[in-house]
Amino acid sequence: MAVPKKRTSKQRKRKRRTHYKADPVTVDTCPKCGDPRVPHRVCPTCGTYRGESVLEVEAE
């Protein structure tokens, strides 16, 4: 059975795990209202998706 001879230090462990990070969220602009939104999702400001009104959004 394979057993490590020495304990893995925190620094070595963290060097190995540097690539395990989340990618930043991509943001596009809505073609109708121009506000930022996540691609392939309904716009939270105007409630449209692919040029069609999908949600009824209340005006503040």
PDB file of N, CA and C in Angstrom:
ATOM      1  N   MET A   1       0.846  -1.177   0.000  1.00  0.00           N
ATOM      2  CA  MET A   1       0.000   0.000   0.000  1.00  0.00           C
ATOM      3  C   MET A   1       0.895   1.245   0.000  1.00  0.00           C
ATOM      4  N   ALA A   2       0.588   2.182  -0.896  1.00  0.00           N
ATOM      5  CA  ALA A   2       1.394   3.393  -1.003  1.00  0.00           C
ATOM      6  C   ALA A   2       1.011   4.379   0.092  1.00  0.00           C
ATOM      7  N   VAL A   3       2.019   4.815   0.828  1.00  0.00           N
ATOM      8  CA  VAL A   3       1.822   5.786   1.906  1.00  0.00           C
ATOM      9  C   VAL A   3       2.823   6.916   1.701  1.00  0.00           C
ATOM     10  N   PRO A   4       2.392   8.194   1.808  1.00  0.00           N
ATOM     11  CA  PRO A   4       3.338   9.281   1.637  1.00  0.00           C
ATOM     12  C   PRO A   4       4.407   9.280   2.727  1.00  0.00           C
ATOM     13  N   LYS A   5       5.659   9.517   2.328  1.00  0.00           N
ATOM     14  CA  LYS A   5       6.746   9.524   3.301  1.00  0.00           C
ATOM     15  C   LYS A   5       6.708  10.769   4.171  1.00  0.00           C
ATOM     16  N   LYS A   6       6.343  11.907   3.561  1.00  0.00           N
ATOM     17  CA  LYS A   6       6.292  13.152   4.319  1.00  0.00           C
ATOM     18  C   LYS A   6       4.944  13.826   4.097  1.00  0.00           C
ATOM     19  N   ARG A   7       4.578  14.652   5.046  1.00  0.00           N
ATOM     20  CA  ARG A   7       3.326  15.384   4.976  1.00  0.00           C
ATOM     21  C   ARG A   7       3.398  16.446   3.875  1.00  0.00           C
ATOM     22  N   THR A   8       2.300  16.623   3.118  1.00  0.00           N
ATOM     23  CA  THR A   8       2.245  17.652   2.081  1.00  0.00           C
ATOM     24  C   THR A   8       2.047  18.998   2.753  1.00  0.00           C
ATOM     25  N   SER A   9       2.933  19.939   2.463  1.00  0.00           N
ATOM     26  CA  SER A   9       2.842  21.256   3.097  1.00  0.00           C
ATOM     27  C   SER A   9       1.664  22.043   2.535  1.00  0.00           C
ATOM     28  N   LYS A  10       1.242  23.085   3.274  1.00  0.00           N
ATOM     29  CA  LYS A  10       0.137  23.934   2.835  1.00  0.00           C
ATOM     30  C   LYS A  10       0.489  24.621   1.517  1.00  0.00           C
ATOM     31  N   GLN A  11       1.734  25.052   1.394  1.00  0.00           N
ATOM     32  CA  GLN A  11       2.153  25.762   0.194  1.00  0.00           C
ATOM     33  C   GLN A  11       2.086  24.860  -1.037  1.00  0.00           C
ATOM     34  N   ARG A  12       2.564  23.645  -0.910  1.00  0.00           N
ATOM     35  CA  ARG A  12       2.532  22.716  -2.039  1.00  0.00           C
ATOM     36  C   ARG A  12       1.097  22.363  -2.417  1.00  0.00           C
ATOM     37  N   LYS A  13       0.263  22.158  -1.408  1.00  0.00           N
ATOM     38  CA  LYS A  13      -1.140  21.830  -1.651  1.00  0.00           C
ATOM     39  C   LYS A  13      -1.847  22.985  -2.356  1.00  0.00           C
ATOM     40  N   ARG A  14      -1.579  24.214  -1.930  1.00  0.00           N
ATOM     41  CA  ARG A  14      -2.227  25.380  -2.519  1.00  0.00           C
ATOM     42  C   ARG A  14      -1.701  25.678  -3.918  1.00  0.00           C
ATOM     43  N   LYS A  15      -0.441  25.376  -4.179  1.00  0.00           N
ATOM     44  CA  LYS A  15       0.105  25.543  -5.530  1.00  0.00           C
ATOM     45  C   LYS A  15      -0.613  24.618  -6.509  1.00  0.00           C
ATOM     46  N   ARG A  16      -0.920  23.432  -6.056  1.00  0.00           N
ATOM     47  CA  ARG A  16      -1.585  22.452  -6.901  1.00  0.00           C
ATOM     48  C   ARG A  16      -3.036  22.864  -7.180  1.00  0.00           C
ATOM     49  N   ARG A  17      -3.659  23.548  -6.233  1.00  0.00           N
ATOM     50  CA  ARG A  17      -5.074  23.903  -6.349  1.00  0.00           C
ATOM     51  C   ARG A  17      -5.316  25.296  -6.924  1.00  0.00           C
ATOM     52  N   THR A  18      -4.291  25.960  -7.474  1.00  0.00           N
ATOM     53  CA  THR A  18      -4.483  27.314  -7.973  1.00  0.00           C
ATOM     54  C   THR A  18      -5.396  27.364  -9.187  1.00  0.00           C
ATOM     55  N   HIS A  19      -5.531  26.279  -9.927  1.00  0.00           N
ATOM     56  CA  HIS A  19      -6.331  26.282 -11.142  1.00  0.00           C
ATOM     57  C   HIS A  19      -7.794  25.960 -10.881  1.00  0.00           C
ATOM     58  N   TYR A  20      -8.160  25.613  -9.641  1.00  0.00           N
ATOM     59  CA  TYR A  20      -9.548  25.313  -9.308  1.00  0.00           C
ATOM     60  C   TYR A  20     -10.244  26.605  -8.929  1.00  0.00           C
ATOM     61  N   LYS A  21     -10.625  27.401  -9.913  1.00  0.00           N
ATOM     62  CA  LYS A  21     -11.320  28.647  -9.603  1.00  0.00           C
ATOM     63  C   LYS A  21     -12.461  28.851 -10.588  1.00  0.00           C
ATOM     64  N   ALA A  22     -13.428  29.630 -10.185  1.00  0.00           N
ATOM     65  CA  ALA A  22     -14.605  29.874 -11.010  1.00  0.00           C
ATOM     66  C   ALA A  22     -14.279  30.885 -12.100  1.00  0.00           C
ATOM     67  N   ASP A  23     -14.860  30.679 -13.271  1.00  0.00           N
ATOM     68  CA  ASP A  23     -14.691  31.629 -14.368  1.00  0.00           C
ATOM     69  C   ASP A  23     -15.584  32.838 -14.121  1.00  0.00           C
ATOM     70  N   PRO A  24     -15.177  34.016 -14.568  1.00  0.00           N
ATOM     71  CA  PRO A  24     -16.040  35.180 -14.407  1.00  0.00           C
ATOM     72  C   PRO A  24     -17.285  35.054 -15.287  1.00  0.00           C
ATOM     73  N   VAL A  25     -18.386  35.586 -14.797  1.00  0.00           N
ATOM     74  CA  VAL A  25     -19.652  35.499 -15.519  1.00  0.00           C
ATOM     75  C   VAL A  25     -19.620  36.448 -16.713  1.00  0.00           C
ATOM     76  N   THR A  26     -19.983  35.934 -17.891  1.00  0.00           N
ATOM     77  CA  THR A  26     -20.014  36.781 -19.076  1.00  0.00           C
ATOM     78  C   THR A  26     -21.293  37.606 -19.061  1.00  0.00           C
ATOM     79  N   VAL A  27     -21.179  38.852 -19.481  1.00  0.00           N
ATOM     80  CA  VAL A  27     -22.318  39.760 -19.473  1.00  0.00           C
ATOM     81  C   VAL A  27     -22.442  40.411 -20.847  1.00  0.00           C
ATOM     82  N   ASP A  28     -23.649  40.360 -21.413  1.00  0.00           N
ATOM     83  CA  ASP A  28     -23.963  41.018 -22.677  1.00  0.00           C
ATOM     84  C   ASP A  28     -24.914  42.167 -22.398  1.00  0.00           C
ATOM     85  N   THR A  29     -25.155  42.979 -23.416  1.00  0.00           N
ATOM     86  CA  THR A  29     -26.150  44.032 -23.272  1.00  0.00           C
ATOM     87  C   THR A  29     -27.445  43.585 -23.944  1.00  0.00           C
ATOM     88  N   CYS A  30     -28.547  43.957 -23.359  1.00  0.00           N
ATOM     89  CA  CYS A  30     -29.856  43.627 -23.907  1.00  0.00           C
ATOM     90  C   CYS A  30     -30.061  44.452 -25.175  1.00  0.00           C
ATOM     91  N   PRO A  31     -30.491  43.828 -26.280  1.00  0.00           N
ATOM     92  CA  PRO A  31     -30.678  44.592 -27.519  1.00  0.00           C
ATOM     93  C   PRO A  31     -31.841  45.577 -27.443  1.00  0.00           C
ATOM     94  N   LYS A  32     -32.788  45.347 -26.549  1.00  0.00           N
ATOM     95  CA  LYS A  32     -33.949  46.232 -26.456  1.00  0.00           C
ATOM     96  C   LYS A  32     -33.689  47.430 -25.537  1.00  0.00           C
ATOM     97  N   CYS A  33     -33.253  47.159 -24.281  1.00  0.00           N
ATOM     98  CA  CYS A  33     -33.105  48.258 -23.312  1.00  0.00           C
ATOM     99  C   CYS A  33     -31.651  48.667 -23.096  1.00  0.00           C
ATOM    100  N   GLY A  34     -30.691  47.830 -23.480  1.00  0.00           N
ATOM    101  CA  GLY A  34     -29.280  48.184 -23.342  1.00  0.00           C
ATOM    102  C   GLY A  34     -28.680  47.904 -21.983  1.00  0.00           C
ATOM    103  N   ASP A  35     -29.449  47.351 -21.063  1.00  0.00           N
ATOM    104  CA  ASP A  35     -28.930  47.023 -19.735  1.00  0.00           C
ATOM    105  C   ASP A  35     -28.154  45.707 -19.789  1.00  0.00           C
ATOM    106  N   PRO A  36     -27.206  45.503 -18.859  1.00  0.00           N
ATOM    107  CA  PRO A  36     -26.438  44.249 -18.860  1.00  0.00           C
ATOM    108  C   PRO A  36     -27.307  43.064 -18.445  1.00  0.00           C
ATOM    109  N   ARG A  37     -27.046  41.917 -19.097  1.00  0.00           N
ATOM    110  CA  ARG A  37     -27.749  40.682 -18.765  1.00  0.00           C
ATOM    111  C   ARG A  37     -26.862  39.498 -19.094  1.00  0.00           C
ATOM    112  N   VAL A  38     -27.172  38.344 -18.523  1.00  0.00           N
ATOM    113  CA  VAL A  38     -26.441  37.109 -18.782  1.00  0.00           C
ATOM    114  C   VAL A  38     -26.943  36.533 -20.110  1.00  0.00           C
ATOM    115  N   PRO A  39     -26.057  36.055 -20.989  1.00  0.00           N
ATOM    116  CA  PRO A  39     -26.502  35.515 -22.273  1.00  0.00           C
ATOM    117  C   PRO A  39     -27.440  34.315 -22.100  1.00  0.00           C
ATOM    118  N   HIS A  40     -28.390  34.168 -23.019  1.00  0.00           N
ATOM    119  CA  HIS A  40     -29.353  33.069 -23.051  1.00  0.00           C
ATOM    120  C   HIS A  40     -30.282  33.084 -21.844  1.00  0.00           C
ATOM    121  N   ARG A  41     -30.525  34.262 -21.281  1.00  0.00           N
ATOM    122  CA  ARG A  41     -31.441  34.421 -20.159  1.00  0.00           C
ATOM    123  C   ARG A  41     -32.377  35.590 -20.451  1.00  0.00           C
ATOM    124  N   VAL A  42     -33.502  35.606 -19.765  1.00  0.00           N
ATOM    125  CA  VAL A  42     -34.447  36.708 -19.906  1.00  0.00           C
ATOM    126  C   VAL A  42     -33.847  37.947 -19.256  1.00  0.00           C
ATOM    127  N   CYS A  43     -34.038  39.096 -19.905  1.00  0.00           N
ATOM    128  CA  CYS A  43     -33.528  40.356 -19.365  1.00  0.00           C
ATOM    129  C   CYS A  43     -34.318  40.709 -18.106  1.00  0.00           C
ATOM    130  N   PRO A  44     -33.645  40.932 -16.972  1.00  0.00           N
ATOM    131  CA  PRO A  44     -34.384  41.236 -15.740  1.00  0.00           C
ATOM    132  C   PRO A  44     -35.005  42.630 -15.743  1.00  0.00           C
ATOM    133  N   THR A  45     -34.531  43.524 -16.609  1.00  0.00           N
ATOM    134  CA  THR A  45     -35.045  44.887 -16.625  1.00  0.00           C
ATOM    135  C   THR A  45     -36.313  45.014 -17.455  1.00  0.00           C
ATOM    136  N   CYS A  46     -36.270  44.525 -18.704  1.00  0.00           N
ATOM    137  CA  CYS A  46     -37.432  44.691 -19.588  1.00  0.00           C
ATOM    138  C   CYS A  46     -38.238  43.404 -19.771  1.00  0.00           C
ATOM    139  N   GLY A  47     -37.689  42.232 -19.402  1.00  0.00           N
ATOM    140  CA  GLY A  47     -38.434  40.976 -19.471  1.00  0.00           C
ATOM    141  C   GLY A  47     -38.540  40.384 -20.857  1.00  0.00           C
ATOM    142  N   THR A  48     -37.596  40.692 -21.750  1.00  0.00           N
ATOM    143  CA  THR A  48     -37.649  40.148 -23.104  1.00  0.00           C
ATOM    144  C   THR A  48     -36.579  39.077 -23.297  1.00  0.00           C
ATOM    145  N   TYR A  49     -36.855  38.163 -24.234  1.00  0.00           N
ATOM    146  CA  TYR A  49     -35.892  37.146 -24.633  1.00  0.00           C
ATOM    147  C   TYR A  49     -36.046  36.932 -26.123  1.00  0.00           C
ATOM    148  N   ARG A  50     -34.985  37.130 -26.869  1.00  0.00           N
ATOM    149  CA  ARG A  50     -34.945  36.982 -28.327  1.00  0.00           C
ATOM    150  C   ARG A  50     -36.003  37.847 -29.012  1.00  0.00           C
ATOM    151  N   GLY A  51     -36.183  39.060 -28.491  1.00  0.00           N
ATOM    152  CA  GLY A  51     -37.099  40.006 -29.110  1.00  0.00           C
ATOM    153  C   GLY A  51     -38.552  39.856 -28.720  1.00  0.00           C
ATOM    154  N   GLU A  52     -38.889  38.856 -27.900  1.00  0.00           N
ATOM    155  CA  GLU A  52     -40.277  38.641 -27.490  1.00  0.00           C
ATOM    156  C   GLU A  52     -40.430  38.930 -26.011  1.00  0.00           C
ATOM    157  N   SER A  53     -41.544  39.518 -25.638  1.00  0.00           N
ATOM    158  CA  SER A  53     -41.835  39.805 -24.237  1.00  0.00           C
ATOM    159  C   SER A  53     -42.228  38.502 -23.547  1.00  0.00           C
ATOM    160  N   VAL A  54     -41.479  38.110 -22.522  1.00  0.00           N
ATOM    161  CA  VAL A  54     -41.697  36.844 -21.839  1.00  0.00           C
ATOM    162  C   VAL A  54     -42.249  37.074 -20.432  1.00  0.00           C
ATOM    163  N   LEU A  55     -41.720  38.075 -19.748  1.00  0.00           N
ATOM    164  CA  LEU A  55     -42.124  38.368 -18.376  1.00  0.00           C
ATOM    165  C   LEU A  55     -42.777  39.742 -18.290  1.00  0.00           C
ATOM    166  N   GLU A  56     -43.702  39.854 -17.363  1.00  0.00           N
ATOM    167  CA  GLU A  56     -44.276  41.154 -17.057  1.00  0.00           C
ATOM    168  C   GLU A  56     -43.436  41.758 -15.935  1.00  0.00           C
ATOM    169  N   VAL A  57     -42.734  42.848 -16.224  1.00  0.00           N
ATOM    170  CA  VAL A  57     -41.865  43.486 -15.245  1.00  0.00           C
ATOM    171  C   VAL A  57     -42.546  44.767 -14.766  1.00  0.00           C
ATOM    172  N   GLU A  58     -42.628  44.907 -13.448  1.00  0.00           N
ATOM    173  CA  GLU A  58     -43.260  46.097 -12.875  1.00  0.00           C
ATOM    174  C   GLU A  58     -42.284  47.267 -12.902  1.00  0.00           C
ATOM    175  N   ALA A  59     -42.768  48.441 -13.228  1.00  0.00           N
ATOM    176  CA  ALA A  59     -41.922  49.637 -13.231  1.00  0.00           C
ATOM    177  C   ALA A  59     -41.796  50.154 -11.805  1.00  0.00           C
ATOM    178  N   GLU A  60     -40.602  50.559 -11.450  1.00  0.00           N
ATOM    179  CA  GLU A  60     -40.375  51.061 -10.086  1.00  0.00           C
ATOM    180  C   GLU A  60     -40.719  52.519  -9.960  1.00  0.00           C
TER     181      GLU A  60
END
